[in-house]
């Protein structure tokens, strides 16, 4: 058990002079205060104060009592780009009590339900992101300093990746110094798009790491004259960015992977319990989509009619509620025995809320012994929507509005958001209404002189 004196000694050894006290808002955006290291004890016991009404979706107005962000000392993370400063993830409190509108508190609540049932939710998340530049007129382009990242299929291409090699190496070295066991980085399917992979951990640790990765990737990118964006679909003709979720349940006491089976009749290596968990995910998939793809922009990525429409030839985003073997056209692929991956999750999600809703849906499947049906072994990209529907396979929502309606009607997924559920719906409905009522440049270009 790590105690504060161990962390204090480590900070002294590391030359830490300042602490970043960091939490996230409803959208998963990092919010922070900078405090001198001499305030370390106060940040544990009392926390840094924030005016909650100034933060999106934390259930407060200008009249509310202060939010106090208390640091979790186990999240000690020296900043690779600011050597005298360390970040701690924080939980929000109000009047001495855990604040239920804090996404991190809510994930901890959902994980306690899993632990009470005997499980640990282990997760790996794969952040895809773009490096871009922005012109004076606001237009963005893929970061391409050597003018070589122009292939229609740049995925894994050495020459396309080479300009970003120093950036990716700096990221990887920094991650491994933090003990994340980063094991690969690559150029992804779109021009200017990259992915960095690090080792599985429990869901809370992974959500903390994804948040920090977003912070670090953007700060290091400035050194190379780029903007790092985790926006799901920044360019119309390019593949979008996901945050693929790899997952299994482990036994709370032994740590064994209880999704694993050597006697699976479908030969996927999954246990009956794993199939029940998948049954819950598929049962609630359309409502989950509102949480795992929570922005208007996410649905530019998640289009049934656009499966083959990116510049590279594929979008790599499943849009059907299905599972199968090691097959990337399925929503959930079985990447290996006892190892599932959901490929629909968007880079734009709040990882704390997404994982809380996800484990809640899966546990519902276990409790009710839901059957996901037989695995699908076909290439869903090659089949017609009519054929897929006739097989009984549902489509994921095709807009934020459609997904929000599913969420309203799903008490299980809403319960995964706890007190945040109503706030989430209200914020996202306003987001949709704002988008839906605004005239876009595309409309002006296409309709101004049409009539």
Protein backbone atom coordinates (compact mmCIF):
# COMPACT_ATOMS: atom_id res chain seq x y z
CA UNK A 1 0.00 0.00 0.00
CA UNK A 2 1.54 3.29 -1.10
CA UNK A 3 1.46 6.01 1.56
CA UNK A 4 2.00 9.73 1.32
CA UNK A 5 5.51 9.58 2.79
CA UNK A 6 6.64 7.29 -0.02
CA UNK A 7 5.23 9.68 -2.60
CA UNK A 8 6.74 12.67 -0.80
CA UNK A 9 10.15 11.00 -0.88
CA UNK A 10 9.74 10.11 -4.55
CA UNK A 11 8.81 13.69 -5.44
CA UNK A 12 11.88 14.96 -3.62
CA UNK A 13 14.05 12.47 -5.50
CA UNK A 14 12.44 13.48 -8.81
CA UNK A 15 12.93 17.20 -8.16
CA UNK A 16 9.19 17.97 -8.19
CA UNK A 17 8.36 21.58 -7.28
CA UNK A 18 4.75 21.79 -8.50
CA UNK A 19 1.66 19.56 -8.54
CA UNK A 20 -1.06 19.56 -11.18
CA UNK A 21 -4.33 18.60 -9.48
CA UNK A 22 -6.41 17.22 -12.35
CA UNK A 23 -9.98 15.97 -12.82
CA UNK A 24 -12.27 15.72 -15.85
CA UNK A 25 -15.56 17.34 -16.76
CA UNK A 26 -18.58 15.68 -18.39
CA UNK A 27 -16.81 15.59 -21.76
CA UNK A 28 -13.64 13.98 -20.38
CA UNK A 29 -11.67 17.21 -20.78
CA UNK A 30 -8.86 17.63 -18.26
CA UNK A 31 -9.35 20.45 -15.73
CA UNK A 32 -6.59 21.41 -13.36
CA UNK A 33 -4.95 23.70 -10.85
CA UNK A 34 -1.24 24.17 -10.31
CA UNK A 35 -0.08 24.18 -6.68
CA UNK A 36 3.35 24.21 -5.02
CA UNK A 37 4.60 20.83 -3.81
CA UNK A 38 4.57 22.23 -0.26
CA UNK A 39 0.75 21.94 -0.43
CA UNK A 40 0.92 18.16 -0.98
CA UNK A 41 -0.73 17.20 2.33
CA UNK A 42 -3.51 19.74 1.86
CA UNK A 43 -4.24 18.35 -1.62
CA UNK A 44 -4.74 14.89 -0.07
CA UNK A 45 -6.77 15.91 2.95
CA UNK A 46 -8.78 18.90 1.70
CA UNK A 47 -8.14 19.29 -2.02
CA UNK A 48 -7.90 22.18 -4.44
CA UNK A 49 -11.02 24.33 -4.66
CA UNK A 50 -12.97 24.92 -7.87
CA UNK A 51 -16.15 26.83 -8.73
CA UNK A 52 -18.29 24.02 -10.08
CA UNK A 53 -20.58 26.29 -12.08
CA UNK A 54 -17.60 27.10 -14.32
CA UNK A 55 -17.18 23.44 -15.32
CA UNK A 56 -19.36 21.52 -17.80
CA UNK A 57 -21.73 18.94 -16.40
CA UNK A 58 -20.72 18.57 -12.76
CA UNK A 59 -24.17 19.35 -11.38
CA UNK A 60 -23.41 22.80 -10.01
CA UNK A 61 -24.37 26.42 -10.55
CA UNK A 62 -22.91 29.74 -9.41
CA UNK A 63 -24.59 29.31 -6.02
CA UNK A 64 -23.08 25.90 -5.28
CA UNK A 65 -20.54 25.08 -2.60
CA UNK A 66 -16.95 24.61 -3.76
CA UNK A 67 -15.80 21.51 -5.56
CA UNK A 68 -12.74 20.17 -3.77
CA UNK A 69 -10.46 18.01 -5.92
CA UNK A 70 -8.59 15.59 -3.67
CA UNK A 71 -5.62 13.86 -5.26
CA UNK A 72 -5.23 10.08 -5.51
CA UNK A 73 -1.59 9.56 -4.54
CA UNK A 74 -1.40 6.29 -6.51
CA UNK A 75 -1.70 8.34 -9.74
CA UNK A 76 1.59 10.19 -9.25
CA UNK A 77 2.75 11.02 -12.79
CA UNK A 78 5.77 13.26 -13.44
CA UNK A 79 5.22 15.38 -16.55
CA UNK A 80 7.74 14.33 -19.23
CA UNK A 81 7.52 17.78 -20.85
CA UNK A 82 7.77 19.69 -17.51
CA UNK A 83 10.37 17.84 -15.40
CA UNK A 84 9.75 19.73 -12.15
CA UNK A 85 5.98 19.09 -12.19
CA UNK A 86 3.82 16.04 -11.46
CA UNK A 87 0.17 15.32 -12.15
CA UNK A 88 -2.21 13.57 -9.78
CA UNK A 89 -5.69 12.47 -10.84
CA UNK A 90 -8.26 13.76 -8.37
CA UNK A 91 -11.72 12.88 -7.10
CA UNK A 92 -14.26 15.62 -6.49
CA UNK A 93 -15.78 16.29 -3.06
CA UNK A 94 -18.39 18.79 -1.88
CA UNK A 95 -18.77 19.57 1.83
CA UNK A 96 -16.53 16.62 2.65
CA UNK A 97 -18.55 14.04 0.71
CA UNK A 98 -17.68 12.37 -2.62
CA UNK A 99 -19.42 14.32 -5.37
CA UNK A 100 -21.65 11.95 -7.40
CA UNK A 101 -21.30 14.10 -10.54
CA UNK A 102 -17.56 13.40 -10.70
CA UNK A 103 -16.93 10.94 -13.59
CA UNK A 104 -14.05 9.32 -11.73
CA UNK A 105 -16.15 8.83 -8.59
CA UNK A 106 -18.88 7.34 -10.75
CA UNK A 107 -16.52 4.83 -12.36
CA UNK A 108 -15.27 3.82 -8.92
CA UNK A 109 -18.89 3.26 -7.89
CA UNK A 110 -19.55 1.03 -10.91
CA UNK A 111 -16.35 -0.92 -10.28
CA UNK A 112 -17.36 -1.50 -6.66
CA UNK A 113 -20.52 -3.19 -7.95
CA UNK A 114 -18.31 -5.43 -10.07
CA UNK A 115 -16.05 -6.16 -7.09
CA UNK A 116 -19.07 -6.99 -4.92
CA UNK A 117 -19.99 -9.61 -7.53
CA UNK A 118 -16.44 -10.98 -7.42
CA UNK A 119 -14.96 -9.35 -10.53
CA UNK A 120 -12.26 -6.94 -11.63
CA UNK A 121 -12.84 -5.20 -14.97
CA UNK A 122 -9.53 -5.19 -16.84
CA UNK A 123 -9.28 -2.90 -19.85
CA UNK A 124 -6.88 -1.78 -22.53
CA UNK A 125 -7.79 1.29 -24.60
CA UNK A 126 -6.08 2.14 -27.89
CA UNK A 127 -5.95 5.89 -28.50
CA UNK A 128 -5.99 6.87 -32.16
CA UNK A 129 -5.30 10.53 -32.88
CA UNK A 130 -4.30 12.94 -35.62
CA UNK A 131 -1.38 15.31 -35.90
CA UNK A 132 -2.62 18.33 -37.85
CA UNK A 133 -1.68 21.89 -38.72
CA UNK A 134 -4.09 24.80 -38.87
CA UNK A 135 -4.02 27.57 -41.45
CA UNK A 136 -4.74 31.23 -40.71
CA UNK A 137 -8.26 30.78 -42.10
CA UNK A 138 -8.94 27.97 -39.62
CA UNK A 139 -8.68 25.07 -42.11
CA UNK A 140 -6.79 22.00 -40.91
CA UNK A 141 -4.51 19.64 -42.81
CA UNK A 142 -2.62 16.48 -41.82
CA UNK A 143 0.78 17.33 -40.31
CA UNK A 144 3.13 16.47 -43.15
CA UNK A 145 6.48 18.28 -42.80
CA UNK A 146 8.30 16.18 -45.42
CA UNK A 147 5.33 16.14 -47.85
CA UNK A 148 5.50 12.33 -48.04
CA UNK A 149 2.38 11.34 -46.09
CA UNK A 150 0.12 11.36 -49.16
CA UNK A 151 -0.71 7.70 -49.83
CA UNK A 152 -4.31 6.61 -50.10
CA UNK A 153 -3.40 3.67 -47.86
CA UNK A 154 -0.74 5.03 -45.49
CA UNK A 155 -1.40 2.55 -42.68
CA UNK A 156 1.88 1.08 -41.33
CA UNK A 157 3.82 2.78 -44.15
CA UNK A 158 7.42 3.41 -43.11
CA UNK A 159 7.99 6.52 -45.21
CA UNK A 160 4.71 8.08 -44.04
CA UNK A 161 5.58 7.37 -40.40
CA UNK A 162 9.21 8.51 -40.59
CA UNK A 163 8.60 12.27 -40.07
CA UNK A 164 6.77 11.42 -36.83
CA UNK A 165 9.42 8.94 -35.63
CA UNK A 166 11.03 11.32 -33.13
CA UNK A 167 7.62 12.32 -31.76
CA UNK A 168 6.48 8.70 -31.40
CA UNK A 169 9.78 7.68 -29.83
CA UNK A 170 9.58 10.53 -27.32
CA UNK A 171 6.04 9.49 -26.43
CA UNK A 172 7.00 5.83 -26.08
CA UNK A 173 10.09 6.47 -23.97
CA UNK A 174 8.12 8.77 -21.68
CA UNK A 175 5.30 6.24 -21.28
CA UNK A 176 7.70 3.45 -20.42
CA UNK A 177 9.50 5.59 -17.85
CA UNK A 178 6.09 5.96 -16.24
CA UNK A 179 5.75 2.16 -16.16
CA UNK A 180 2.97 1.90 -18.75
CA UNK A 181 4.70 -0.82 -20.81
CA UNK A 182 4.05 0.82 -24.15
CA UNK A 183 4.67 -1.93 -26.70
CA UNK A 184 4.03 -0.38 -30.13
CA UNK A 185 3.24 2.77 -32.08
CA UNK A 186 2.25 3.10 -35.71
CA UNK A 187 0.92 5.24 -38.51
CA UNK A 188 -2.80 4.54 -38.80
CA UNK A 189 -5.20 4.37 -41.74
CA UNK A 190 -5.51 8.11 -42.40
CA UNK A 191 -2.87 10.64 -43.39
CA UNK A 192 -1.51 12.22 -40.23
CA UNK A 193 -3.15 9.60 -37.97
CA UNK A 194 -1.26 7.61 -35.33
CA UNK A 195 -1.83 5.11 -32.55
CA UNK A 196 0.18 4.25 -29.45
CA UNK A 197 -0.57 1.09 -27.45
CA UNK A 198 0.15 0.43 -23.81
CA UNK A 199 -0.51 -2.48 -21.49
CA UNK A 200 -3.83 -3.61 -20.00
CA UNK A 201 -4.70 -2.46 -16.48
CA UNK A 202 -7.77 -2.23 -14.28
CA UNK A 203 -10.45 0.08 -15.70
CA UNK A 204 -9.76 3.01 -13.36
CA UNK A 205 -6.02 3.00 -14.06
CA UNK A 206 -6.68 2.80 -17.79
CA UNK A 207 -9.13 5.73 -17.72
CA UNK A 208 -6.56 7.79 -15.78
CA UNK A 209 -3.90 6.89 -18.33
CA UNK A 210 -6.05 7.72 -21.36
CA UNK A 211 -6.75 11.14 -19.83
CA UNK A 212 -3.05 11.74 -19.23
CA UNK A 213 -2.17 10.44 -22.70
CA UNK A 214 -4.43 13.07 -24.25
CA UNK A 215 -2.70 15.72 -22.18
CA UNK A 216 0.79 14.50 -23.02
CA UNK A 217 0.26 13.83 -26.73
CA UNK A 218 -0.99 17.38 -27.24
CA UNK A 219 1.82 19.04 -25.26
CA UNK A 220 4.61 17.10 -26.97
CA UNK A 221 3.12 17.74 -30.42
CA UNK A 222 3.72 21.49 -30.05
CA UNK A 223 7.46 20.81 -30.02
CA UNK A 224 7.11 19.39 -33.54
CA UNK A 225 4.93 22.17 -34.91
CA UNK A 226 1.75 20.06 -34.80
CA UNK A 227 -1.60 19.96 -33.03
CA UNK A 228 -2.55 16.55 -31.61
CA UNK A 229 -6.31 16.08 -31.78
CA UNK A 230 -8.45 13.26 -30.44
CA UNK A 231 -11.47 14.59 -32.33
CA UNK A 232 -13.20 11.51 -33.80
CA UNK A 233 -13.57 12.74 -37.38
CA UNK A 234 -11.54 15.87 -38.15
CA UNK A 235 -11.47 15.37 -41.93
CA UNK A 236 -14.32 14.28 -44.18
CA UNK A 237 -12.36 12.01 -46.52
CA UNK A 238 -10.19 10.36 -43.87
CA UNK A 239 -10.81 7.46 -41.52
CA UNK A 240 -11.92 8.60 -38.05
CA UNK A 241 -10.27 7.95 -34.70
CA UNK A 242 -11.46 5.29 -32.30
CA UNK A 243 -10.59 4.40 -28.74
CA UNK A 244 -10.93 0.64 -29.10
CA UNK A 245 -11.67 -1.11 -25.81
CA UNK A 246 -10.03 -4.48 -25.09
CA UNK A 247 -11.51 -6.14 -22.04
CA UNK A 248 -12.07 -9.14 -19.82
CA UNK A 249 -13.25 -9.81 -16.31
CA UNK A 250 -10.79 -11.24 -13.81
CA UNK A 251 -11.53 -13.04 -10.57
CA UNK A 252 -11.35 -10.49 -7.76
CA UNK A 253 -9.31 -12.78 -5.50
CA UNK A 254 -7.07 -14.80 -7.82
CA UNK A 255 -6.71 -12.33 -10.69
CA UNK A 256 -7.41 -15.10 -13.21
CA UNK A 257 -9.05 -14.19 -16.52
CA UNK A 258 -12.54 -15.67 -16.17
CA UNK A 259 -13.46 -14.94 -19.79
CA UNK A 260 -11.04 -17.68 -20.82
CA UNK A 261 -12.20 -21.19 -21.72
CA UNK A 262 -10.54 -24.16 -23.40
CA UNK A 263 -13.88 -25.85 -24.13
CA UNK A 264 -15.76 -23.16 -26.03
CA UNK A 265 -17.87 -24.95 -28.69
CA UNK A 266 -17.56 -21.88 -30.96
CA UNK A 267 -13.75 -22.16 -30.67
CA UNK A 268 -13.38 -18.52 -29.65
CA UNK A 269 -11.87 -19.37 -26.27
CA UNK A 270 -14.67 -17.66 -24.35
CA UNK A 271 -16.34 -18.89 -21.16
CA UNK A 272 -20.11 -19.00 -20.55
CA UNK A 273 -19.68 -15.99 -18.27
CA UNK A 274 -17.94 -14.09 -21.08
CA UNK A 275 -20.85 -14.85 -23.41
CA UNK A 276 -23.32 -13.55 -20.82
CA UNK A 277 -21.25 -10.35 -20.49
CA UNK A 278 -21.31 -9.97 -24.27
CA UNK A 279 -25.05 -10.62 -24.17
CA UNK A 280 -25.42 -7.59 -21.91
CA UNK A 281 -23.26 -5.42 -24.15
CA UNK A 282 -25.19 -6.36 -27.28
CA UNK A 283 -28.56 -6.02 -25.52
CA UNK A 284 -27.69 -2.46 -24.48
CA UNK A 285 -25.44 -1.56 -27.43
CA UNK A 286 -27.67 1.11 -28.95
CA UNK A 287 -27.97 2.98 -25.63
CA UNK A 288 -24.28 2.48 -24.84
CA UNK A 289 -23.52 4.20 -28.12
CA UNK A 290 -24.67 7.53 -26.64
CA UNK A 291 -21.91 7.23 -24.02
CA UNK A 292 -19.16 5.64 -26.10
CA UNK A 293 -19.86 7.96 -29.08
CA UNK A 294 -21.11 11.05 -27.25
CA UNK A 295 -20.59 13.90 -29.74
CA UNK A 296 -22.21 14.99 -32.98
CA UNK A 297 -18.88 14.45 -34.71
CA UNK A 298 -18.69 10.79 -33.61
CA UNK A 299 -21.52 9.90 -35.99
CA UNK A 300 -19.54 11.14 -38.99
CA UNK A 301 -17.32 8.15 -38.17
CA UNK A 302 -20.06 5.66 -37.31
CA UNK A 303 -22.02 5.52 -40.56
CA UNK A 304 -23.58 2.36 -42.02
CA UNK A 305 -23.62 3.95 -45.48
CA UNK A 306 -19.96 4.88 -45.25
CA UNK A 307 -18.24 1.61 -44.39
CA UNK A 308 -16.21 1.70 -47.60
CA UNK A 309 -16.08 5.45 -48.10
CA UNK A 310 -12.87 6.73 -46.53
CA UNK A 311 -9.89 7.75 -48.65
CA UNK A 312 -8.15 4.44 -47.85
CA UNK A 313 -11.11 2.32 -48.96
CA UNK A 314 -12.43 1.35 -45.50
CA UNK A 315 -13.57 3.23 -42.42
CA UNK A 316 -12.64 0.32 -40.12
CA UNK A 317 -15.67 1.18 -37.96
CA UNK A 318 -18.32 -1.52 -37.46
CA UNK A 319 -21.82 -0.11 -37.39
CA UNK A 320 -23.74 -3.29 -36.55
CA UNK A 321 -24.55 -4.83 -33.17
CA UNK A 322 -22.60 -8.05 -33.60
CA UNK A 323 -19.70 -10.12 -32.34
CA UNK A 324 -17.44 -12.66 -33.99
CA UNK A 325 -13.98 -14.10 -34.25
CA UNK A 326 -10.83 -12.14 -35.08
CA UNK A 327 -12.84 -10.12 -37.60
CA UNK A 328 -12.64 -6.33 -37.69
CA UNK A 329 -16.03 -5.86 -39.37
CA UNK A 330 -17.77 -6.90 -36.11
CA UNK A 331 -18.63 -4.53 -33.27
CA UNK A 332 -16.89 -6.94 -30.88
CA UNK A 333 -14.11 -9.10 -32.20
CA UNK A 334 -12.50 -11.90 -30.23
CA UNK A 335 -8.88 -10.87 -30.52
CA UNK A 336 -7.74 -14.05 -28.75
CA UNK A 337 -8.95 -16.59 -26.18
CA UNK A 338 -10.56 -14.73 -23.29
CA UNK A 339 -9.87 -11.40 -25.00
CA UNK A 340 -12.61 -9.21 -26.50
CA UNK A 341 -12.34 -5.87 -28.30
CA UNK A 342 -15.12 -3.35 -28.94
CA UNK A 343 -14.17 -1.41 -32.07
CA UNK A 344 -17.07 1.05 -32.06
CA UNK A 345 -15.89 3.19 -29.12
CA UNK A 346 -14.99 6.71 -30.25
CA UNK A 347 -11.90 8.76 -29.49
CA UNK A 348 -14.34 11.45 -28.36
CA UNK A 349 -15.69 9.57 -25.35
CA UNK A 350 -15.14 10.33 -21.67
CA UNK A 351 -13.30 7.12 -20.67
CA UNK A 352 -14.64 7.18 -17.10
CA UNK A 353 -18.26 7.39 -18.21
CA UNK A 354 -17.80 4.97 -21.11
CA UNK A 355 -16.26 2.26 -18.93
CA UNK A 356 -18.80 2.75 -16.12
CA UNK A 357 -21.70 2.31 -18.54
CA UNK A 358 -19.95 -0.58 -20.26
CA UNK A 359 -19.28 -2.68 -17.18
CA UNK A 360 -22.82 -2.01 -15.92
CA UNK A 361 -24.30 -3.34 -19.18
CA UNK A 362 -22.04 -6.39 -19.11
CA UNK A 363 -22.86 -7.20 -15.49
CA UNK A 364 -26.55 -6.98 -16.37
CA UNK A 365 -25.91 -9.65 -18.98
CA UNK A 366 -24.24 -11.88 -16.38
CA UNK A 367 -26.99 -11.35 -13.83
CA UNK A 368 -29.73 -12.13 -16.36
CA UNK A 369 -27.69 -14.82 -18.17
CA UNK A 370 -28.29 -13.09 -21.49
CA UNK A 371 -27.39 -15.02 -24.63
CA UNK A 372 -25.59 -13.03 -27.35
CA UNK A 373 -26.61 -15.60 -29.96
CA UNK A 374 -24.18 -17.28 -32.33
CA UNK A 375 -20.99 -15.54 -33.39
CA UNK A 376 -20.90 -13.96 -36.83
CA UNK A 377 -18.04 -15.09 -39.03
CA UNK A 378 -18.88 -13.15 -42.20
CA UNK A 379 -17.49 -9.92 -43.65
CA UNK A 380 -20.27 -7.50 -42.75
CA UNK A 381 -18.81 -4.84 -45.04
CA UNK A 382 -19.65 -7.04 -48.04
CA UNK A 383 -23.25 -7.71 -47.06
CA UNK A 384 -26.25 -5.51 -47.72
CA UNK A 385 -27.97 -3.72 -44.87
CA UNK A 386 -31.19 -5.52 -45.78
CA UNK A 387 -29.49 -8.91 -45.55
CA UNK A 388 -27.94 -8.04 -42.20
CA UNK A 389 -31.25 -6.82 -40.78
CA UNK A 390 -33.04 -9.95 -42.01
CA UNK A 391 -30.56 -11.98 -39.98
CA UNK A 392 -31.75 -10.05 -36.91
CA UNK A 393 -28.60 -7.95 -36.50
CA UNK A 394 -29.39 -4.42 -35.35
CA UNK A 395 -27.71 -1.24 -36.54
CA UNK A 396 -26.03 1.17 -34.19
CA UNK A 397 -27.59 4.66 -33.97
CA UNK A 398 -26.71 6.88 -36.90
CA UNK A 399 -26.93 10.21 -35.09
CA UNK A 400 -26.45 11.58 -31.60
CA UNK A 401 -30.19 12.30 -31.41
CA UNK A 402 -31.03 8.67 -32.14
CA UNK A 403 -28.50 7.44 -29.58
CA UNK A 404 -29.83 9.78 -26.88
CA UNK A 405 -33.35 8.45 -27.37
CA UNK A 406 -32.00 4.92 -26.85
CA UNK A 407 -30.24 6.06 -23.69
CA UNK A 408 -33.40 7.67 -22.32
CA UNK A 409 -35.20 4.36 -22.77
CA UNK A 410 -32.51 2.17 -21.16
CA UNK A 411 -32.54 2.30 -17.35
CA UNK A 412 -29.58 -0.10 -17.07
CA UNK A 413 -27.15 2.05 -19.04
CA UNK A 414 -28.48 5.19 -17.35
CA UNK A 415 -27.82 3.56 -13.99
CA UNK A 416 -24.20 3.11 -15.07
CA UNK A 417 -23.93 6.90 -15.21
CA UNK A 418 -25.41 7.28 -11.73
CA UNK A 419 -26.31 10.86 -10.79
CA UNK A 420 -24.62 12.04 -14.00
CA UNK A 421 -27.27 10.42 -16.23
CA UNK A 422 -29.77 13.29 -16.33
CA UNK A 423 -27.00 15.87 -16.59
CA UNK A 424 -25.44 13.95 -19.46
CA UNK A 425 -28.73 13.76 -21.35
CA UNK A 426 -29.43 17.47 -20.84
CA UNK A 427 -25.96 18.53 -22.03
CA UNK A 428 -26.00 16.25 -25.04
CA UNK A 429 -29.53 17.27 -26.06
CA UNK A 430 -28.38 20.91 -26.04
CA UNK A 431 -25.35 19.92 -28.09
CA UNK A 432 -27.54 18.19 -30.68
CA UNK A 433 -30.04 21.05 -30.81
CA UNK A 434 -27.27 23.60 -31.30
CA UNK A 435 -25.81 21.55 -34.15
CA UNK A 436 -29.20 20.82 -35.70
CA UNK A 437 -30.21 24.50 -35.78
CA UNK A 438 -26.94 25.94 -37.08
CA UNK A 439 -26.49 26.47 -40.80
CA UNK A 440 -23.30 24.77 -42.00
CA UNK A 441 -20.92 25.85 -44.77
CA UNK A 442 -21.99 22.74 -46.72
CA UNK A 443 -25.59 23.95 -46.74
CA UNK A 444 -24.56 27.39 -47.98
CA UNK A 445 -22.37 25.88 -50.70
CA UNK A 446 -25.08 23.53 -51.92
CA UNK A 447 -28.31 25.51 -51.49
CA UNK A 448 -27.48 29.20 -51.79
CA UNK A 449 -28.03 29.38 -55.55
CA UNK A 450 -30.01 26.18 -56.02
CA UNK A 451 -33.43 27.88 -55.93
